[in-house]
Amino acid sequence: MKPINFLGKLYLIPTTLGEIAVDDVLPQTVKRAIDFIMDYVVENEKTARKFIKAINPEKKQSDLRLHILNKHTQIAEHNDMLKPCLEGRNVGLMSEAGCPGVADPGAVIVKLAHEKGIQVVPLVGPSSILLALMGSGMNGQSFAFNGYLPIDKSEKKTALKNLERISSEKNQSQIFIETPYRNNKLLEDILQSLQNSTRLCIATDITLPTEYIKTLTVNDWKKTKVDLHNRPTIYIIQK
């Protein structure tokens, strides 16, 4: 391994949360990183190239070197993704949407970078989880992100009741997500499972023109109609 001074850096590059002008949500530090980085670890090559082109239309796409990191990637491939850093080149890690390493497979590459003594540089950008919490009016001093809930209906209802109980015991906001096409069904399960007095925030299409963020009690949500189908959504409950 080269001395640490000669290693490239791993830049964690946030992306937009949907179809929106990059200048509306991303600072110049992201553009500058895109300008000089040629090696990337990405979830999807097509969307990554589209994002890079939106940031820097003059960048020659054929010169880019992209490694794909998704559920099909073998663990043995991870080392190759950081090989450019060991050769003195910088690498950009990009999520499909939002911040790398947060509810995102990129965390394994960040972990490996630390193990190899590679400097990790997180850049500022939109996180749907934090933006939802900011807009919810719920406890931002103590909160937990729980990822996806179980698919099985019975297990899901049990998980929801457990999160409600933990929220009450710890005065803690509980955050979770769902695959967008299952959103409407999850909302039904939430309203059937939780107590009427529990507060629920639904934060949808964050940063987009169709953004919708609202916090109501479960009882009031039962009287409210909202269509969440195929819309990226963050759910937060607090008892």
Protein backbone atom coordinates (compact mmCIF):
# COMPACT_ATOMS: atom_id res chain seq x y z
CA MET A 1 0.00 0.00 0.00
CA LYS A 2 1.21 3.50 -0.83
CA PRO A 3 1.91 6.01 1.95
CA ILE A 4 -1.30 7.73 2.98
CA ASN A 5 -0.17 11.06 1.48
CA PHE A 6 -0.20 9.46 -1.98
CA LEU A 7 -3.59 7.80 -1.70
CA GLY A 8 -6.57 9.16 -3.57
CA LYS A 9 -9.66 10.19 -1.61
CA LEU A 10 -13.16 8.72 -1.55
CA TYR A 11 -15.68 11.51 -2.17
CA LEU A 12 -19.27 10.84 -1.09
CA ILE A 13 -21.30 12.66 -3.73
CA PRO A 14 -24.98 13.34 -3.01
CA THR A 15 -27.47 13.40 -5.87
CA THR A 16 -30.90 14.92 -6.34
CA LEU A 17 -33.99 13.19 -4.95
CA GLY A 18 -35.80 13.32 -8.29
CA GLU A 19 -36.22 15.34 -11.46
CA ILE A 20 -35.18 18.80 -10.34
CA ALA A 21 -32.51 21.29 -11.36
CA VAL A 22 -29.25 20.33 -9.66
CA ASP A 23 -28.51 23.97 -8.80
CA ASP A 24 -31.64 24.06 -6.63
CA VAL A 25 -30.37 21.49 -4.12
CA LEU A 26 -26.63 20.91 -4.62
CA PRO A 27 -23.75 23.24 -3.72
CA GLN A 28 -20.75 24.09 -5.89
CA THR A 29 -18.57 21.62 -3.98
CA VAL A 30 -20.45 18.78 -5.69
CA LYS A 31 -19.89 20.31 -9.12
CA ARG A 32 -16.20 20.78 -8.43
CA ALA A 33 -15.87 17.15 -7.36
CA ILE A 34 -17.61 15.94 -10.52
CA ASP A 35 -15.28 18.13 -12.58
CA PHE A 36 -12.08 16.38 -11.46
CA ILE A 37 -13.19 12.81 -10.62
CA MET A 38 -13.14 10.17 -13.36
CA ASP A 39 -13.64 6.99 -11.26
CA TYR A 40 -17.04 6.32 -9.68
CA VAL A 41 -18.91 3.71 -7.66
CA VAL A 42 -22.62 3.92 -8.54
CA GLU A 43 -25.85 1.96 -8.20
CA ASN A 44 -27.03 2.39 -11.78
CA GLU A 45 -24.78 3.32 -14.70
CA LYS A 46 -27.46 5.01 -16.81
CA THR A 47 -28.75 7.34 -14.09
CA ALA A 48 -25.22 8.05 -12.85
CA ARG A 49 -24.09 9.12 -16.32
CA LYS A 50 -27.21 11.28 -16.68
CA PHE A 51 -26.45 12.99 -13.36
CA ILE A 52 -22.81 13.60 -14.22
CA LYS A 53 -23.84 15.04 -17.59
CA ALA A 54 -26.33 17.36 -15.88
CA ILE A 55 -23.54 18.63 -13.61
CA ASN A 56 -20.86 18.88 -16.30
CA PRO A 57 -22.15 18.58 -19.90
CA GLU A 58 -18.60 18.97 -21.23
CA LYS A 59 -17.24 15.93 -19.40
CA LYS A 60 -16.39 13.16 -21.87
CA GLN A 61 -18.57 10.18 -20.95
CA SER A 62 -16.25 7.67 -22.61
CA ASP A 63 -13.47 8.67 -20.21
CA LEU A 64 -15.52 7.81 -17.12
CA ARG A 65 -14.73 4.58 -15.27
CA LEU A 66 -17.79 3.28 -13.41
CA HIS A 67 -18.09 0.38 -10.98
CA ILE A 68 -21.61 -0.86 -10.22
CA LEU A 69 -22.58 -1.46 -6.58
CA ASN A 70 -26.00 -3.00 -6.00
CA LYS A 71 -27.61 -6.12 -4.55
CA HIS A 72 -26.02 -8.25 -7.28
CA THR A 73 -22.46 -7.08 -6.60
CA GLN A 74 -20.14 -9.72 -5.14
CA ILE A 75 -18.15 -8.88 -2.01
CA ALA A 76 -14.99 -9.86 -3.88
CA GLU A 77 -15.56 -6.90 -6.22
CA HIS A 78 -15.42 -4.27 -3.46
CA ASN A 79 -11.63 -4.07 -3.36
CA ASP A 80 -11.48 -3.29 -7.08
CA MET A 81 -13.75 -0.30 -6.52
CA LEU A 82 -11.14 1.36 -4.31
CA LYS A 83 -8.12 0.32 -6.37
CA PRO A 84 -7.94 3.77 -8.03
CA CYS A 85 -7.47 5.36 -4.58
CA LEU A 86 -4.55 3.04 -3.88
CA GLU A 87 -3.07 4.19 -7.20
CA GLY A 88 -3.40 7.85 -6.23
CA ARG A 89 -6.68 8.69 -8.00
CA ASN A 90 -9.86 10.03 -6.39
CA VAL A 91 -13.08 8.01 -6.45
CA GLY A 92 -16.64 9.34 -6.26
CA LEU A 93 -19.32 7.28 -4.51
CA MET A 94 -22.87 8.16 -5.58
CA SER A 95 -26.24 6.99 -4.33
CA GLU A 96 -29.16 6.50 -6.69
CA ALA A 97 -30.89 9.33 -4.82
CA GLY A 98 -29.73 11.50 -1.94
CA CYS A 99 -26.72 10.84 0.29
CA PRO A 100 -24.34 7.88 -0.18
CA GLY A 101 -24.09 5.50 2.74
CA VAL A 102 -27.43 6.54 4.29
CA ALA A 103 -30.09 3.91 3.61
CA ASP A 104 -27.78 3.05 0.74
CA PRO A 105 -25.41 0.15 -0.14
CA GLY A 106 -22.45 2.54 -0.40
CA ALA A 107 -21.78 2.18 3.33
CA VAL A 108 -19.77 -1.01 2.68
CA ILE A 109 -17.35 0.91 0.44
CA VAL A 110 -16.97 3.67 3.03
CA LYS A 111 -16.19 1.04 5.67
CA LEU A 112 -13.60 -0.53 3.41
CA ALA A 113 -12.02 2.86 2.69
CA HIS A 114 -11.49 3.43 6.41
CA GLU A 115 -9.92 -0.01 6.74
CA LYS A 116 -7.48 0.83 3.93
CA GLY A 117 -6.55 4.23 5.35
CA ILE A 118 -8.26 6.12 2.52
CA GLN A 119 -9.57 9.57 3.42
CA VAL A 120 -13.37 9.81 3.20
CA VAL A 121 -14.81 13.19 2.14
CA PRO A 122 -18.62 13.52 2.60
CA LEU A 123 -20.13 16.34 0.54
CA VAL A 124 -23.25 18.32 1.42
CA GLY A 125 -26.52 17.39 -0.28
CA PRO A 126 -30.18 16.47 0.30
CA SER A 127 -31.07 13.65 2.68
CA SER A 128 -34.76 12.79 2.52
CA ILE A 129 -34.57 11.32 6.03
CA LEU A 130 -33.22 14.47 7.67
CA LEU A 131 -35.34 16.83 5.58
CA ALA A 132 -38.45 14.89 6.59
CA LEU A 133 -37.46 15.03 10.26
CA MET A 134 -36.79 18.76 9.99
CA GLY A 135 -40.24 19.31 8.52
CA SER A 136 -42.13 16.97 10.85
CA GLY A 137 -42.17 18.93 14.09
CA MET A 138 -41.17 15.76 15.92
CA ASN A 139 -38.26 15.10 18.26
CA GLY A 140 -35.03 15.95 16.43
CA GLN A 141 -32.90 15.39 19.56
CA SER A 142 -33.66 11.68 19.74
CA PHE A 143 -34.70 9.68 16.69
CA ALA A 144 -34.11 6.33 15.00
CA PHE A 145 -34.15 5.30 11.35
CA ASN A 146 -35.58 1.79 10.98
CA GLY A 147 -35.36 1.24 7.22
CA TYR A 148 -38.02 -1.01 5.71
CA LEU A 149 -40.66 -2.76 7.81
CA PRO A 150 -41.54 -6.45 7.26
CA ILE A 151 -43.63 -7.24 4.18
CA ASP A 152 -45.82 -9.79 5.97
CA LYS A 153 -48.96 -8.01 7.19
CA SER A 154 -48.95 -9.54 10.67
CA GLU A 155 -45.23 -8.93 11.19
CA LYS A 156 -45.59 -5.38 9.88
CA LYS A 157 -48.35 -4.55 12.36
CA THR A 158 -46.26 -6.00 15.18
CA ALA A 159 -43.29 -3.89 14.08
CA LEU A 160 -45.44 -0.75 13.97
CA LYS A 161 -46.77 -1.34 17.48
CA ASN A 162 -43.21 -1.93 18.73
CA LEU A 163 -42.03 1.35 17.19
CA GLU A 164 -44.97 3.14 18.79
CA ARG A 165 -44.10 1.64 22.16
CA ILE A 166 -40.41 2.58 21.86
CA SER A 167 -41.36 6.09 20.80
CA SER A 168 -43.51 6.49 23.89
CA GLU A 169 -40.93 5.00 26.27
CA LYS A 170 -37.99 7.01 24.93
CA ASN A 171 -39.78 10.11 23.66
CA GLN A 172 -38.10 9.25 20.36
CA SER A 173 -39.13 9.86 16.75
CA GLN A 174 -39.28 6.62 14.74
CA ILE A 175 -38.52 6.90 11.01
CA PHE A 176 -39.11 4.26 8.34
CA ILE A 177 -39.64 3.86 4.60
CA GLU A 178 -41.40 1.61 2.11
CA THR A 179 -41.00 0.61 -1.53
CA PRO A 180 -42.99 3.36 -3.32
CA TYR A 181 -45.55 1.08 -5.00
CA ARG A 182 -46.50 -0.31 -1.55
CA ASN A 183 -47.01 3.12 0.07
CA ASN A 184 -50.80 3.22 0.04
CA LYS A 185 -51.01 -0.26 1.58
CA LEU A 186 -48.50 0.68 4.27
CA LEU A 187 -50.53 3.77 5.17
CA GLU A 188 -53.61 1.55 5.60
CA ASP A 189 -51.66 -0.73 7.92
CA ILE A 190 -50.31 2.23 9.92
CA LEU A 191 -53.79 3.64 10.46
CA GLN A 192 -55.12 0.23 11.50
CA SER A 193 -52.26 -0.56 13.86
CA LEU A 194 -51.43 2.62 15.78
CA GLN A 195 -53.34 4.47 18.48
CA ASN A 196 -55.46 7.41 17.39
CA SER A 197 -53.41 9.89 19.42
CA THR A 198 -50.06 8.90 17.87
CA ARG A 199 -48.64 11.55 15.55
CA LEU A 200 -47.67 10.54 12.04
CA CYS A 201 -45.67 12.61 9.55
CA ILE A 202 -45.85 11.75 5.87
CA ALA A 203 -43.11 13.41 3.81
CA THR A 204 -43.37 12.74 0.07
CA ASP A 205 -41.47 13.92 -3.02
CA ILE A 206 -39.11 15.97 -0.87
CA THR A 207 -37.47 18.91 -2.73
CA LEU A 208 -39.65 18.28 -5.81
CA PRO A 209 -42.47 20.55 -7.07
CA THR A 210 -44.98 17.96 -5.77
CA GLU A 211 -43.47 17.96 -2.25
CA TYR A 212 -45.98 17.07 0.47
CA ILE A 213 -45.10 17.15 4.17
CA LYS A 214 -47.84 16.90 6.79
CA THR A 215 -48.02 15.82 10.43
CA LEU A 216 -51.36 14.79 11.92
CA THR A 217 -52.62 12.39 14.55
CA VAL A 218 -53.55 8.93 13.31
CA ASN A 219 -57.17 9.83 13.99
CA ASP A 220 -56.93 12.89 11.73
CA TRP A 221 -55.13 10.93 9.00
CA LYS A 222 -58.13 8.58 8.92
CA LYS A 223 -60.17 11.57 7.71
CA THR A 224 -57.58 12.67 5.15
CA LYS A 225 -57.14 11.40 1.60
CA VAL A 226 -53.65 11.25 0.11
CA ASP A 227 -52.31 9.17 -2.79
CA LEU A 228 -48.73 8.02 -2.16
CA HIS A 229 -48.51 5.43 -4.94
CA ASN A 230 -45.05 5.33 -6.53
CA ARG A 231 -43.97 8.51 -4.70
CA PRO A 232 -40.79 8.30 -2.54
CA THR A 233 -42.03 8.75 1.02
CA ILE A 234 -40.60 9.00 4.54
CA TYR A 235 -42.81 8.06 7.51
CA ILE A 236 -42.22 9.31 11.05
CA ILE A 237 -44.23 8.46 14.13
CA GLN A 238 -44.08 9.79 17.66
CA LYS A 239 -46.27 8.80 20.56
